[in-house]
Amino acid sequence: MSDSRNVPELCTNFHRASELIGRRWSGAIIYVLLKSRCRFATLREAIPDITDRMLSERLQELEHCGIVERTVIPETPVRVEYSLTKKGRALMPVVNSIAEWAEKWSGAAEHARPEKAARARRRA
């Protein structure tokens, strides 16, 4: 019989936020947009393997949540650019922390062939 008073409680705000930015491709989109506002084709090119459909869906979701802003520039032809809102730019320290963690803990040496990983460990 477990004592429910000792069970840690999940913060619902944290859970919603991590589910949003942790969805497949969302983090990559945010990462790229932190560097620069982009047109759709530029985002697609910057994010390997994302499909047009998935990029469109994720951009719409992030726009709906107030993280991404879609700007239509009335030129001929019409140009559409995506950028982060203030709320989206506030994710910069989070994204930077994840990038630092990834560099330290899931670097190329861990995913290299065994002989390359061994050489990388010997050099470290």
PDB file of N, CA and C in Angstrom:
ATOM      1  N   MET A   1       0.843  -1.173   0.000  1.00  0.00           N
ATOM      2  CA  MET A   1       0.000   0.000   0.000  1.00  0.00           C
ATOM      3  C   MET A   1       0.894   1.243   0.000  1.00  0.00           C
ATOM      4  N   SER A   2       0.705   2.121  -0.987  1.00  0.00           N
ATOM      5  CA  SER A   2       1.567   3.298  -1.076  1.00  0.00           C
ATOM      6  C   SER A   2       0.930   4.486  -0.370  1.00  0.00           C
ATOM      7  N   ASP A   3       1.786   5.378   0.075  1.00  0.00           N
ATOM      8  CA  ASP A   3       1.353   6.583   0.770  1.00  0.00           C
ATOM      9  C   ASP A   3       1.264   7.707  -0.258  1.00  0.00           C
ATOM     10  N   SER A   4       0.049   8.128  -0.596  1.00  0.00           N
ATOM     11  CA  SER A   4      -0.147   9.118  -1.654  1.00  0.00           C
ATOM     12  C   SER A   4       0.418  10.483  -1.279  1.00  0.00           C
ATOM     13  N   ARG A   5       0.692  10.739  -0.019  1.00  0.00           N
ATOM     14  CA  ARG A   5       1.255  12.027   0.382  1.00  0.00           C
ATOM     15  C   ARG A   5       2.683  12.196  -0.105  1.00  0.00           C
ATOM     16  N   ASN A   6       3.367  11.094  -0.424  1.00  0.00           N
ATOM     17  CA  ASN A   6       4.757  11.157  -0.873  1.00  0.00           C
ATOM     18  C   ASN A   6       4.897  11.128  -2.393  1.00  0.00           C
ATOM     19  N   VAL A   7       3.788  11.096  -3.112  1.00  0.00           N
ATOM     20  CA  VAL A   7       3.849  11.041  -4.568  1.00  0.00           C
ATOM     21  C   VAL A   7       4.041  12.459  -5.103  1.00  0.00           C
ATOM     22  N   PRO A   8       5.115  12.686  -5.850  1.00  0.00           N
ATOM     23  CA  PRO A   8       5.333  14.030  -6.396  1.00  0.00           C
ATOM     24  C   PRO A   8       4.226  14.382  -7.387  1.00  0.00           C
ATOM     25  N   GLU A   9       3.875  15.641  -7.430  1.00  0.00           N
ATOM     26  CA  GLU A   9       2.811  16.094  -8.312  1.00  0.00           C
ATOM     27  C   GLU A   9       3.408  16.699  -9.575  1.00  0.00           C
ATOM     28  N   LEU A  10       2.839  16.345 -10.709  1.00  0.00           N
ATOM     29  CA  LEU A  10       3.284  16.891 -11.981  1.00  0.00           C
ATOM     30  C   LEU A  10       2.657  18.269 -12.168  1.00  0.00           C
ATOM     31  N   CYS A  11       3.467  19.232 -12.510  1.00  0.00           N
ATOM     32  CA  CYS A  11       2.977  20.587 -12.795  1.00  0.00           C
ATOM     33  C   CYS A  11       2.312  20.560 -14.172  1.00  0.00           C
ATOM     34  N   THR A  12       1.041  20.880 -14.238  1.00  0.00           N
ATOM     35  CA  THR A  12       0.323  20.814 -15.510  1.00  0.00           C
ATOM     36  C   THR A  12       0.842  21.838 -16.518  1.00  0.00           C
ATOM     37  N   ASN A  13       1.265  23.008 -16.051  1.00  0.00           N
ATOM     38  CA  ASN A  13       1.829  24.003 -16.973  1.00  0.00           C
ATOM     39  C   ASN A  13       3.112  23.489 -17.610  1.00  0.00           C
ATOM     40  N   PHE A  14       3.980  22.876 -16.795  1.00  0.00           N
ATOM     41  CA  PHE A  14       5.210  22.298 -17.332  1.00  0.00           C
ATOM     42  C   PHE A  14       4.883  21.212 -18.348  1.00  0.00           C
ATOM     43  N   HIS A  15       3.946  20.366 -18.012  1.00  0.00           N
ATOM     44  CA  HIS A  15       3.588  19.250 -18.892  1.00  0.00           C
ATOM     45  C   HIS A  15       3.067  19.760 -20.238  1.00  0.00           C
ATOM     46  N   ARG A  16       2.177  20.750 -20.217  1.00  0.00           N
ATOM     47  CA  ARG A  16       1.646  21.318 -21.460  1.00  0.00           C
ATOM     48  C   ARG A  16       2.767  21.948 -22.293  1.00  0.00           C
ATOM     49  N   ALA A  17       3.653  22.696 -21.648  1.00  0.00           N
ATOM     50  CA  ALA A  17       4.753  23.346 -22.361  1.00  0.00           C
ATOM     51  C   ALA A  17       5.705  22.318 -22.971  1.00  0.00           C
ATOM     52  N   SER A  18       6.059  21.298 -22.203  1.00  0.00           N
ATOM     53  CA  SER A  18       6.997  20.303 -22.733  1.00  0.00           C
ATOM     54  C   SER A  18       6.362  19.486 -23.861  1.00  0.00           C
ATOM     55  N   GLU A  19       5.060  19.244 -23.783  1.00  0.00           N
ATOM     56  CA  GLU A  19       4.369  18.541 -24.862  1.00  0.00           C
ATOM     57  C   GLU A  19       4.330  19.397 -26.123  1.00  0.00           C
ATOM     58  N   LEU A  20       4.144  20.693 -25.972  1.00  0.00           N
ATOM     59  CA  LEU A  20       4.089  21.590 -27.130  1.00  0.00           C
ATOM     60  C   LEU A  20       5.444  21.680 -27.820  1.00  0.00           C
ATOM     61  N   ILE A  21       6.484  22.058 -27.080  1.00  0.00           N
ATOM     62  CA  ILE A  21       7.779  22.239 -27.738  1.00  0.00           C
ATOM     63  C   ILE A  21       8.485  20.914 -27.998  1.00  0.00           C
ATOM     64  N   GLY A  22       8.015  19.848 -27.358  1.00  0.00           N
ATOM     65  CA  GLY A  22       8.609  18.535 -27.566  1.00  0.00           C
ATOM     66  C   GLY A  22       7.977  17.748 -28.697  1.00  0.00           C
ATOM     67  N   ARG A  23       6.925  18.298 -29.308  1.00  0.00           N
ATOM     68  CA  ARG A  23       6.319  17.604 -30.443  1.00  0.00           C
ATOM     69  C   ARG A  23       7.335  17.516 -31.568  1.00  0.00           C
ATOM     70  N   ARG A  24       7.242  16.462 -32.319  1.00  0.00           N
ATOM     71  CA  ARG A  24       8.188  16.269 -33.413  1.00  0.00           C
ATOM     72  C   ARG A  24       8.197  17.497 -34.310  1.00  0.00           C
ATOM     73  N   TRP A  25       9.364  18.019 -34.576  1.00  0.00           N
ATOM     74  CA  TRP A  25       9.667  19.153 -35.442  1.00  0.00           C
ATOM     75  C   TRP A  25       9.472  20.519 -34.787  1.00  0.00           C
ATOM     76  N   SER A  26       8.684  20.633 -33.739  1.00  0.00           N
ATOM     77  CA  SER A  26       8.434  21.948 -33.137  1.00  0.00           C
ATOM     78  C   SER A  26       9.728  22.562 -32.604  1.00  0.00           C
ATOM     79  N   GLY A  27      10.507  21.786 -31.902  1.00  0.00           N
ATOM     80  CA  GLY A  27      11.771  22.295 -31.369  1.00  0.00           C
ATOM     81  C   GLY A  27      12.708  22.741 -32.475  1.00  0.00           C
ATOM     82  N   ALA A  28      12.744  21.992 -33.563  1.00  0.00           N
ATOM     83  CA  ALA A  28      13.610  22.349 -34.689  1.00  0.00           C
ATOM     84  C   ALA A  28      13.150  23.661 -35.323  1.00  0.00           C
ATOM     85  N   ILE A  29      11.860  23.834 -35.468  1.00  0.00           N
ATOM     86  CA  ILE A  29      11.315  25.068 -36.041  1.00  0.00           C
ATOM     87  C   ILE A  29      11.677  26.251 -35.147  1.00  0.00           C
ATOM     88  N   ILE A  30      11.459  26.098 -33.860  1.00  0.00           N
ATOM     89  CA  ILE A  30      11.785  27.167 -32.914  1.00  0.00           C
ATOM     90  C   ILE A  30      13.280  27.467 -32.956  1.00  0.00           C
ATOM     91  N   TYR A  31      14.104  26.433 -32.987  1.00  0.00           N
ATOM     92  CA  TYR A  31      15.559  26.592 -33.031  1.00  0.00           C
ATOM     93  C   TYR A  31      15.971  27.437 -34.238  1.00  0.00           C
ATOM     94  N   VAL A  32      15.437  27.114 -35.403  1.00  0.00           N
ATOM     95  CA  VAL A  32      15.793  27.836 -36.624  1.00  0.00           C
ATOM     96  C   VAL A  32      15.273  29.280 -36.559  1.00  0.00           C
ATOM     97  N   LEU A  33      14.048  29.456 -36.085  1.00  0.00           N
ATOM     98  CA  LEU A  33      13.474  30.799 -36.033  1.00  0.00           C
ATOM     99  C   LEU A  33      14.148  31.680 -34.980  1.00  0.00           C
ATOM    100  N   LEU A  34      14.797  31.082 -33.999  1.00  0.00           N
ATOM    101  CA  LEU A  34      15.574  31.883 -33.047  1.00  0.00           C
ATOM    102  C   LEU A  34      16.766  32.536 -33.743  1.00  0.00           C
ATOM    103  N   LYS A  35      17.226  31.929 -34.823  1.00  0.00           N
ATOM    104  CA  LYS A  35      18.365  32.471 -35.566  1.00  0.00           C
ATOM    105  C   LYS A  35      17.937  33.568 -36.537  1.00  0.00           C
ATOM    106  N   SER A  36      16.736  33.413 -37.126  1.00  0.00           N
ATOM    107  CA  SER A  36      16.318  34.367 -38.149  1.00  0.00           C
ATOM    108  C   SER A  36      14.862  34.141 -38.529  1.00  0.00           C
ATOM    109  N   ARG A  37      14.180  35.203 -38.921  1.00  0.00           N
ATOM    110  CA  ARG A  37      12.842  35.036 -39.503  1.00  0.00           C
ATOM    111  C   ARG A  37      13.041  34.348 -40.846  1.00  0.00           C
ATOM    112  N   CYS A  38      12.093  33.511 -41.246  1.00  0.00           N
ATOM    113  CA  CYS A  38      12.283  32.698 -42.444  1.00  0.00           C
ATOM    114  C   CYS A  38      11.008  32.569 -43.251  1.00  0.00           C
ATOM    115  N   ARG A  39      11.205  32.364 -44.523  1.00  0.00           N
ATOM    116  CA  ARG A  39      10.104  31.968 -45.392  1.00  0.00           C
ATOM    117  C   ARG A  39       9.927  30.459 -45.258  1.00  0.00           C
ATOM    118  N   PHE A  40       8.776  29.965 -45.714  1.00  0.00           N
ATOM    119  CA  PHE A  40       8.444  28.555 -45.596  1.00  0.00           C
ATOM    120  C   PHE A  40       9.527  27.677 -46.221  1.00  0.00           C
ATOM    121  N   ALA A  41       9.928  28.001 -47.443  1.00  0.00           N
ATOM    122  CA  ALA A  41      10.917  27.178 -48.150  1.00  0.00           C
ATOM    123  C   ALA A  41      12.263  27.165 -47.426  1.00  0.00           C
ATOM    124  N   THR A  42      12.608  28.275 -46.800  1.00  0.00           N
ATOM    125  CA  THR A  42      13.869  28.341 -46.055  1.00  0.00           C
ATOM    126  C   THR A  42      13.807  27.441 -44.827  1.00  0.00           C
ATOM    127  N   LEU A  43      12.674  27.461 -44.140  1.00  0.00           N
ATOM    128  CA  LEU A  43      12.500  26.562 -42.992  1.00  0.00           C
ATOM    129  C   LEU A  43      12.588  25.108 -43.428  1.00  0.00           C
ATOM    130  N   ARG A  44      11.900  24.781 -44.513  1.00  0.00           N
ATOM    131  CA  ARG A  44      11.914  23.398 -45.008  1.00  0.00           C
ATOM    132  C   ARG A  44      13.329  22.967 -45.352  1.00  0.00           C
ATOM    133  N   GLU A  45      14.091  23.844 -45.960  1.00  0.00           N
ATOM    134  CA  GLU A  45      15.474  23.528 -46.319  1.00  0.00           C
ATOM    135  C   GLU A  45      16.359  23.381 -45.084  1.00  0.00           C
ATOM    136  N   ALA A  46      16.091  24.177 -44.050  1.00  0.00           N
ATOM    137  CA  ALA A  46      16.921  24.166 -42.843  1.00  0.00           C
ATOM    138  C   ALA A  46      16.661  22.950 -41.956  1.00  0.00           C
ATOM    139  N   ILE A  47      15.501  22.322 -42.131  1.00  0.00           N
ATOM    140  CA  ILE A  47      15.119  21.198 -41.265  1.00  0.00           C
ATOM    141  C   ILE A  47      15.045  19.931 -42.106  1.00  0.00           C
ATOM    142  N   PRO A  48      16.102  19.127 -42.085  1.00  0.00           N
ATOM    143  CA  PRO A  48      16.137  17.917 -42.918  1.00  0.00           C
ATOM    144  C   PRO A  48      14.972  16.973 -42.609  1.00  0.00           C
ATOM    145  N   ASP A  49      14.414  16.415 -43.653  1.00  0.00           N
ATOM    146  CA  ASP A  49      13.382  15.371 -43.586  1.00  0.00           C
ATOM    147  C   ASP A  49      11.978  15.849 -43.210  1.00  0.00           C
ATOM    148  N   ILE A  50      11.770  17.127 -42.923  1.00  0.00           N
ATOM    149  CA  ILE A  50      10.414  17.579 -42.621  1.00  0.00           C
ATOM    150  C   ILE A  50       9.639  17.704 -43.939  1.00  0.00           C
ATOM    151  N   THR A  51       8.386  17.301 -43.913  1.00  0.00           N
ATOM    152  CA  THR A  51       7.553  17.418 -45.109  1.00  0.00           C
ATOM    153  C   THR A  51       6.835  18.761 -45.101  1.00  0.00           C
ATOM    154  N   ASP A  52       6.380  19.179 -46.253  1.00  0.00           N
ATOM    155  CA  ASP A  52       5.619  20.426 -46.352  1.00  0.00           C
ATOM    156  C   ASP A  52       4.397  20.378 -45.440  1.00  0.00           C
ATOM    157  N   ARG A  53       3.702  19.252 -45.463  1.00  0.00           N
ATOM    158  CA  ARG A  53       2.492  19.105 -44.653  1.00  0.00           C
ATOM    159  C   ARG A  53       2.796  19.245 -43.168  1.00  0.00           C
ATOM    160  N   MET A  54       3.845  18.577 -42.707  1.00  0.00           N
ATOM    161  CA  MET A  54       4.186  18.620 -41.287  1.00  0.00           C
ATOM    162  C   MET A  54       4.662  20.011 -40.880  1.00  0.00           C
ATOM    163  N   LEU A  55       5.453  20.656 -41.729  1.00  0.00           N
ATOM    164  CA  LEU A  55       5.914  22.006 -41.436  1.00  0.00           C
ATOM    165  C   LEU A  55       4.724  22.956 -41.344  1.00  0.00           C
ATOM    166  N   SER A  56       3.801  22.828 -42.265  1.00  0.00           N
ATOM    167  CA  SER A  56       2.612  23.667 -42.252  1.00  0.00           C
ATOM    168  C   SER A  56       1.784  23.446 -40.981  1.00  0.00           C
ATOM    169  N   GLU A  57       1.593  22.187 -40.611  1.00  0.00           N
ATOM    170  CA  GLU A  57       0.830  21.871 -39.389  1.00  0.00           C
ATOM    171  C   GLU A  57       1.502  22.432 -38.149  1.00  0.00           C
ATOM    172  N   ARG A  58       2.810  22.230 -38.023  1.00  0.00           N
ATOM    173  CA  ARG A  58       3.513  22.707 -36.833  1.00  0.00           C
ATOM    174  C   ARG A  58       3.519  24.231 -36.767  1.00  0.00           C
ATOM    175  N   LEU A  59       3.713  24.891 -37.904  1.00  0.00           N
ATOM    176  CA  LEU A  59       3.677  26.349 -37.909  1.00  0.00           C
ATOM    177  C   LEU A  59       2.306  26.863 -37.468  1.00  0.00           C
ATOM    178  N   GLN A  60       1.247  26.217 -37.944  1.00  0.00           N
ATOM    179  CA  GLN A  60      -0.100  26.619 -37.537  1.00  0.00           C
ATOM    180  C   GLN A  60      -0.314  26.420 -36.042  1.00  0.00           C
ATOM    181  N   GLU A  61       0.150  25.292 -35.510  1.00  0.00           N
ATOM    182  CA  GLU A  61       0.024  25.023 -34.072  1.00  0.00           C
ATOM    183  C   GLU A  61       0.785  26.070 -33.258  1.00  0.00           C
ATOM    184  N   LEU A  62       2.020  26.336 -33.668  1.00  0.00           N
ATOM    185  CA  LEU A  62       2.841  27.301 -32.935  1.00  0.00           C
ATOM    186  C   LEU A  62       2.271  28.712 -33.058  1.00  0.00           C
ATOM    187  N   GLU A  63       1.671  29.014 -34.194  1.00  0.00           N
ATOM    188  CA  GLU A  63       1.017  30.312 -34.359  1.00  0.00           C
ATOM    189  C   GLU A  63      -0.211  30.398 -33.455  1.00  0.00           C
ATOM    190  N   HIS A  64      -0.985  29.341 -33.418  1.00  0.00           N
ATOM    191  CA  HIS A  64      -2.180  29.289 -32.564  1.00  0.00           C
ATOM    192  C   HIS A  64      -1.826  29.473 -31.083  1.00  0.00           C
ATOM    193  N   CYS A  65      -0.667  28.970 -30.683  1.00  0.00           N
ATOM    194  CA  CYS A  65      -0.224  29.075 -29.293  1.00  0.00           C
ATOM    195  C   CYS A  65       0.488  30.399 -29.002  1.00  0.00           C
ATOM    196  N   GLY A  66       0.632  31.238 -30.004  1.00  0.00           N
ATOM    197  CA  GLY A  66       1.257  32.541 -29.790  1.00  0.00           C
ATOM    198  C   GLY A  66       2.773  32.516 -29.772  1.00  0.00           C
ATOM    199  N   ILE A  67       3.376  31.471 -30.338  1.00  0.00           N
ATOM    200  CA  ILE A  67       4.832  31.341 -30.342  1.00  0.00           C
ATOM    201  C   ILE A  67       5.421  31.821 -31.671  1.00  0.00           C
ATOM    202  N   VAL A  68       4.694  31.586 -32.746  1.00  0.00           N
ATOM    203  CA  VAL A  68       5.137  31.972 -34.081  1.00  0.00           C
ATOM    204  C   VAL A  68       4.162  32.997 -34.648  1.00  0.00           C
ATOM    205  N   GLU A  69       4.738  33.940 -35.392  1.00  0.00           N
ATOM    206  CA  GLU A  69       3.938  34.955 -36.061  1.00  0.00           C
ATOM    207  C   GLU A  69       4.132  34.805 -37.568  1.00  0.00           C
ATOM    208  N   ARG A  70       3.031  34.828 -38.282  1.00  0.00           N
ATOM    209  CA  ARG A  70       3.049  34.724 -39.745  1.00  0.00           C
ATOM    210  C   ARG A  70       2.797  36.124 -40.295  1.00  0.00           C
ATOM    211  N   THR A  71       3.719  36.607 -41.112  1.00  0.00           N
ATOM    212  CA  THR A  71       3.600  37.946 -41.679  1.00  0.00           C
ATOM    213  C   THR A  71       3.492  37.846 -43.198  1.00  0.00           C
ATOM    214  N   VAL A  72       2.423  38.405 -43.744  1.00  0.00           N
ATOM    215  CA  VAL A  72       2.235  38.440 -45.192  1.00  0.00           C
ATOM    216  C   VAL A  72       2.754  39.773 -45.688  1.00  0.00           C
ATOM    217  N   ILE A  73       3.693  39.732 -46.618  1.00  0.00           N
ATOM    218  CA  ILE A  73       4.280  40.941 -47.186  1.00  0.00           C
ATOM    219  C   ILE A  73       3.672  41.118 -48.576  1.00  0.00           C
ATOM    220  N   PRO A  74       2.856  42.169 -48.718  1.00  0.00           N
ATOM    221  CA  PRO A  74       2.112  42.347 -49.981  1.00  0.00           C
ATOM    222  C   PRO A  74       2.992  42.844 -51.122  1.00  0.00           C
ATOM    223  N   GLU A  75       3.706  41.938 -51.705  1.00  0.00           N
ATOM    224  CA  GLU A  75       4.529  42.217 -52.868  1.00  0.00           C
ATOM    225  C   GLU A  75       3.995  41.369 -54.009  1.00  0.00           C
ATOM    226  N   THR A  76       4.608  41.488 -55.148  1.00  0.00           N
ATOM    227  CA  THR A  76       4.265  40.594 -56.247  1.00  0.00           C
ATOM    228  C   THR A  76       5.507  39.779 -56.565  1.00  0.00           C
ATOM    229  N   PRO A  77       5.518  38.496 -56.337  1.00  0.00           N
ATOM    230  CA  PRO A  77       4.464  37.721 -55.686  1.00  0.00           C
ATOM    231  C   PRO A  77       4.428  37.972 -54.173  1.00  0.00           C
ATOM    232  N   VAL A  78       3.312  37.605 -53.566  1.00  0.00           N
ATOM    233  CA  VAL A  78       3.141  37.776 -52.123  1.00  0.00           C
ATOM    234  C   VAL A  78       4.192  36.943 -51.404  1.00  0.00           C
ATOM    235  N   ARG A  79       4.754  37.516 -50.347  1.00  0.00           N
ATOM    236  CA  ARG A  79       5.783  36.834 -49.566  1.00  0.00           C
ATOM    237  C   ARG A  79       5.251  36.613 -48.161  1.00  0.00           C
ATOM    238  N   VAL A  80       5.494  35.432 -47.612  1.00  0.00           N
ATOM    239  CA  VAL A  80       5.084  35.112 -46.249  1.00  0.00           C
ATOM    240  C   VAL A  80       6.333  34.759 -45.455  1.00  0.00           C
ATOM    241  N   GLU A  81       6.481  35.395 -44.315  1.00  0.00           N
ATOM    242  CA  GLU A  81       7.619  35.110 -43.443  1.00  0.00           C
ATOM    243  C   GLU A  81       7.110  34.688 -42.072  1.00  0.00           C
ATOM    244  N   TYR A  82       7.900  33.849 -41.429  1.00  0.00           N
ATOM    245  CA  TYR A  82       7.582  33.374 -40.092  1.00  0.00           C
ATOM    246  C   TYR A  82       8.661  33.863 -39.143  1.00  0.00           C
ATOM    247  N   SER A  83       8.229  34.277 -37.975  1.00  0.00           N
ATOM    248  CA  SER A  83       9.167  34.719 -36.945  1.00  0.00           C
ATOM    249  C   SER A  83       8.583  34.350 -35.592  1.00  0.00           C
ATOM    250  N   LEU A  84       9.418  34.452 -34.578  1.00  0.00           N
ATOM    251  CA  LEU A  84       8.953  34.171 -33.225  1.00  0.00           C
ATOM    252  C   LEU A  84       8.362  35.439 -32.615  1.00  0.00           C
ATOM    253  N   THR A  85       7.326  35.245 -31.845  1.00  0.00           N
ATOM    254  CA  THR A  85       6.742  36.338 -31.077  1.00  0.00           C
ATOM    255  C   THR A  85       7.599  36.551 -29.836  1.00  0.00           C
ATOM    256  N   LYS A  86       7.234  37.514 -29.037  1.00  0.00           N
ATOM    257  CA  LYS A  86       7.943  37.735 -27.772  1.00  0.00           C
ATOM    258  C   LYS A  86       7.898  36.455 -26.926  1.00  0.00           C
ATOM    259  N   LYS A  87       6.736  35.815 -26.908  1.00  0.00           N
ATOM    260  CA  LYS A  87       6.573  34.550 -26.170  1.00  0.00           C
ATOM    261  C   LYS A  87       7.517  33.482 -26.741  1.00  0.00           C
ATOM    262  N   GLY A  88       7.644  33.420 -28.049  1.00  0.00           N
ATOM    263  CA  GLY A  88       8.532  32.450 -28.688  1.00  0.00           C
ATOM    264  C   GLY A  88       9.991  32.744 -28.415  1.00  0.00           C
ATOM    265  N   ARG A  89      10.370  34.035 -28.475  1.00  0.00           N
ATOM    266  CA  ARG A  89      11.767  34.412 -28.204  1.00  0.00           C
ATOM    267  C   ARG A  89      12.147  34.150 -26.751  1.00  0.00           C
ATOM    268  N   ALA A  90      11.152  34.125 -25.870  1.00  0.00           N
ATOM    269  CA  ALA A  90      11.426  33.828 -24.461  1.00  0.00           C
ATOM    270  C   ALA A  90      11.903  32.386 -24.277  1.00  0.00           C
ATOM    271  N   LEU A  91      11.771  31.566 -25.311  1.00  0.00           N
ATOM    272  CA  LEU A  91      12.263  30.186 -25.252  1.00  0.00           C
ATOM    273  C   LEU A  91      13.773  30.087 -25.497  1.00  0.00           C
ATOM    274  N   MET A  92      14.412  31.203 -25.842  1.00  0.00           N
ATOM    275  CA  MET A  92      15.844  31.166 -26.166  1.00  0.00           C
ATOM    276  C   MET A  92      16.695  30.515 -25.071  1.00  0.00           C
ATOM    277  N   PRO A  93      16.559  30.905 -23.789  1.00  0.00           N
ATOM    278  CA  PRO A  93      17.406  30.252 -22.786  1.00  0.00           C
ATOM    279  C   PRO A  93      17.114  28.756 -22.659  1.00  0.00           C
ATOM    280  N   VAL A  94      15.879  28.370 -22.875  1.00  0.00           N
ATOM    281  CA  VAL A  94      15.509  26.951 -22.806  1.00  0.00           C
ATOM    282  C   VAL A  94      16.179  26.195 -23.952  1.00  0.00           C
ATOM    283  N   VAL A  95      16.047  26.724 -25.156  1.00  0.00           N
ATOM    284  CA  VAL A  95      16.635  26.083 -26.340  1.00  0.00           C
ATOM    285  C   VAL A  95      18.154  26.046 -26.213  1.00  0.00           C
ATOM    286  N   ASN A  96      18.751  27.127 -25.748  1.00  0.00           N
ATOM    287  CA  ASN A  96      20.209  27.141 -25.561  1.00  0.00           C
ATOM    288  C   ASN A  96      20.644  26.099 -24.539  1.00  0.00           C
ATOM    289  N   SER A  97      19.880  25.942 -23.467  1.00  0.00           N
ATOM    290  CA  SER A  97      20.214  24.928 -22.453  1.00  0.00           C
ATOM    291  C   SER A  97      20.116  23.520 -23.033  1.00  0.00           C
ATOM    292  N   ILE A  98      19.087  23.270 -23.824  1.00  0.00           N
ATOM    293  CA  ILE A  98      18.944  21.955 -24.452  1.00  0.00           C
ATOM    294  C   ILE A  98      20.094  21.715 -25.430  1.00  0.00           C
ATOM    295  N   ALA A  99      20.464  22.750 -26.194  1.00  0.00           N
ATOM    296  CA  ALA A  99      21.570  22.615 -27.149  1.00  0.00           C
ATOM    297  C   ALA A  99      22.881  22.312 -26.420  1.00  0.00           C
ATOM    298  N   GLU A 100      23.122  22.989 -25.308  1.00  0.00           N
ATOM    299  CA  GLU A 100      24.333  22.723 -24.518  1.00  0.00           C
ATOM    300  C   GLU A 100      24.321  21.308 -23.961  1.00  0.00           C
ATOM    301  N   TRP A 101      23.172  20.894 -23.455  1.00  0.00           N
ATOM    302  CA  TRP A 101      23.046  19.536 -22.922  1.00  0.00           C
ATOM    303  C   TRP A 101      23.309  18.518 -24.031  1.00  0.00           C
ATOM    304  N   ALA A 102      22.709  18.753 -25.207  1.00  0.00           N
ATOM    305  CA  ALA A 102      22.881  17.831 -26.331  1.00  0.00           C
ATOM    306  C   ALA A 102      24.334  17.750 -26.769  1.00  0.00           C
ATOM    307  N   GLU A 103      25.008  18.892 -26.782  1.00  0.00           N
ATOM    308  CA  GLU A 103      26.418  18.916 -27.167  1.00  0.00           C
ATOM    309  C   GLU A 103      27.256  18.090 -26.191  1.00  0.00           C
ATOM    310  N   LYS A 104      26.934  18.205 -24.922  1.00  0.00           N
ATOM    311  CA  LYS A 104      27.708  17.497 -23.896  1.00  0.00           C
ATOM    312  C   LYS A 104      27.360  16.015 -23.821  1.00  0.00           C
ATOM    313  N   TRP A 105      26.072  15.683 -23.877  1.00  0.00           N
ATOM    314  CA  TRP A 105      25.642  14.328 -23.569  1.00  0.00           C
ATOM    315  C   TRP A 105      25.234  13.481 -24.761  1.00  0.00           C
ATOM    316  N   SER A 106      24.960  14.070 -25.891  1.00  0.00           N
ATOM    317  CA  SER A 106      24.595  13.239 -27.042  1.00  0.00           C
ATOM    318  C   SER A 106      25.350  13.707 -28.271  1.00  0.00           C
ATOM    319  N   GLY A 107      26.634  13.913 -28.085  1.00  0.00           N
ATOM    320  CA  GLY A 107      27.496  14.397 -29.158  1.00  0.00           C
ATOM    321  C   GLY A 107      27.745  13.341 -30.216  1.00  0.00           C
ATOM    322  N   ALA A 108      28.446  13.753 -31.230  1.00  0.00           N
ATOM    323  CA  ALA A 108      28.721  12.882 -32.366  1.00  0.00           C
ATOM    324  C   ALA A 108      29.482  11.623 -31.971  1.00  0.00           C
ATOM    325  N   ALA A 109      30.343  11.704 -30.962  1.00  0.00           N
ATOM    326  CA  ALA A 109      31.143  10.538 -30.572  1.00  0.00           C
ATOM    327  C   ALA A 109      30.265   9.375 -30.124  1.00  0.00           C
ATOM    328  N   GLU A 110      29.141   9.665 -29.483  1.00  0.00           N
ATOM    329  CA  GLU A 110      28.267   8.594 -29.016  1.00  0.00           C
ATOM    330  C   GLU A 110      27.568   7.890 -30.163  1.00  0.00           C
ATOM    331  N   HIS A 111      27.378   8.585 -31.288  1.00  0.00           N
ATOM    332  CA  HIS A 111      26.649   8.015 -32.406  1.00  0.00           C
ATOM    333  C   HIS A 111      27.564   7.547 -33.528  1.00  0.00           C
ATOM    334  N   ALA A 112      28.843   7.718 -33.345  1.00  0.00           N
ATOM    335  CA  ALA A 112      29.810   7.319 -34.361  1.00  0.00           C
ATOM    336  C   ALA A 112      29.987   5.807 -34.343  1.00  0.00           C
ATOM    337  N   ARG A 113      30.631   5.320 -35.390  1.00  0.00           N
ATOM    338  CA  ARG A 113      30.961   3.899 -35.401  1.00  0.00           C
ATOM    339  C   ARG A 113      31.862   3.607 -34.207  1.00  0.00           C
ATOM    340  N   PRO A 114      31.864   2.371 -33.697  1.00  0.00           N
ATOM    341  CA  PRO A 114      32.631   2.050 -32.482  1.00  0.00           C
ATOM    342  C   PRO A 114      34.095   2.475 -32.526  1.00  0.00           C
ATOM    343  N   GLU A 115      34.763   2.296 -33.661  1.00  0.00           N
ATOM    344  CA  GLU A 115      36.182   2.664 -33.704  1.00  0.00           C
ATOM    345  C   GLU A 115      36.360   4.179 -33.632  1.00  0.00           C
ATOM    346  N   LYS A 116      35.446   4.943 -34.232  1.00  0.00           N
ATOM    347  CA  LYS A 116      35.522   6.400 -34.140  1.00  0.00           C
ATOM    348  C   LYS A 116      35.224   6.857 -32.714  1.00  0.00           C
ATOM    349  N   ALA A 117      34.253   6.218 -32.067  1.00  0.00           N
ATOM    350  CA  ALA A 117      33.917   6.584 -30.695  1.00  0.00           C
ATOM    351  C   ALA A 117      35.091   6.313 -29.762  1.00  0.00           C
ATOM    352  N   ALA A 118      35.790   5.202 -29.990  1.00  0.00           N
ATOM    353  CA  ALA A 118      36.946   4.870 -29.156  1.00  0.00           C
ATOM    354  C   ALA A 118      38.052   5.914 -29.338  1.00  0.00           C
ATOM    355  N   ARG A 119      38.312   6.317 -30.589  1.00  0.00           N
ATOM    356  CA  ARG A 119      39.316   7.351 -30.836  1.00  0.00           C
ATOM    357  C   ARG A 119      38.919   8.662 -30.176  1.00  0.00           C
ATOM    358  N   ALA A 120      37.653   9.006 -30.259  1.00  0.00           N
ATOM    359  CA  ALA A 120      37.180  10.258 -29.648  1.00  0.00           C
ATOM    360  C   ALA A 120      37.364  10.217 -28.136  1.00  0.00           C
ATOM    361  N   ARG A 121      37.107   9.069 -27.506  1.00  0.00           N
ATOM    362  CA  ARG A 121      37.269   8.943 -26.045  1.00  0.00           C
ATOM    363  C   ARG A 121      38.745   9.066 -25.659  1.00  0.00           C
ATOM    364  N   ARG A 122      39.635   8.481 -26.481  1.00  0.00           N
ATOM    365  CA  ARG A 122      41.075   8.542 -26.182  1.00  0.00           C
ATOM    366  C   ARG A 122      41.568   9.977 -26.267  1.00  0.00           C
ATOM    367  N   ARG A 123      41.028  10.764 -27.197  1.00  0.00           N
ATOM    368  CA  ARG A 123      41.450  12.166 -27.341  1.00  0.00           C
ATOM    369  C   ARG A 123      40.919  13.040 -26.222  1.00  0.00           C
ATOM    370  N   ALA A 124      39.814  12.659 -25.635  1.00  0.00           N
ATOM    371  CA  ALA A 124      39.169  13.502 -24.588  1.00  0.00           C
ATOM    372  C   ALA A 124      39.913  13.472 -23.282  1.00  0.00           C
TER     373      ALA A 124
END
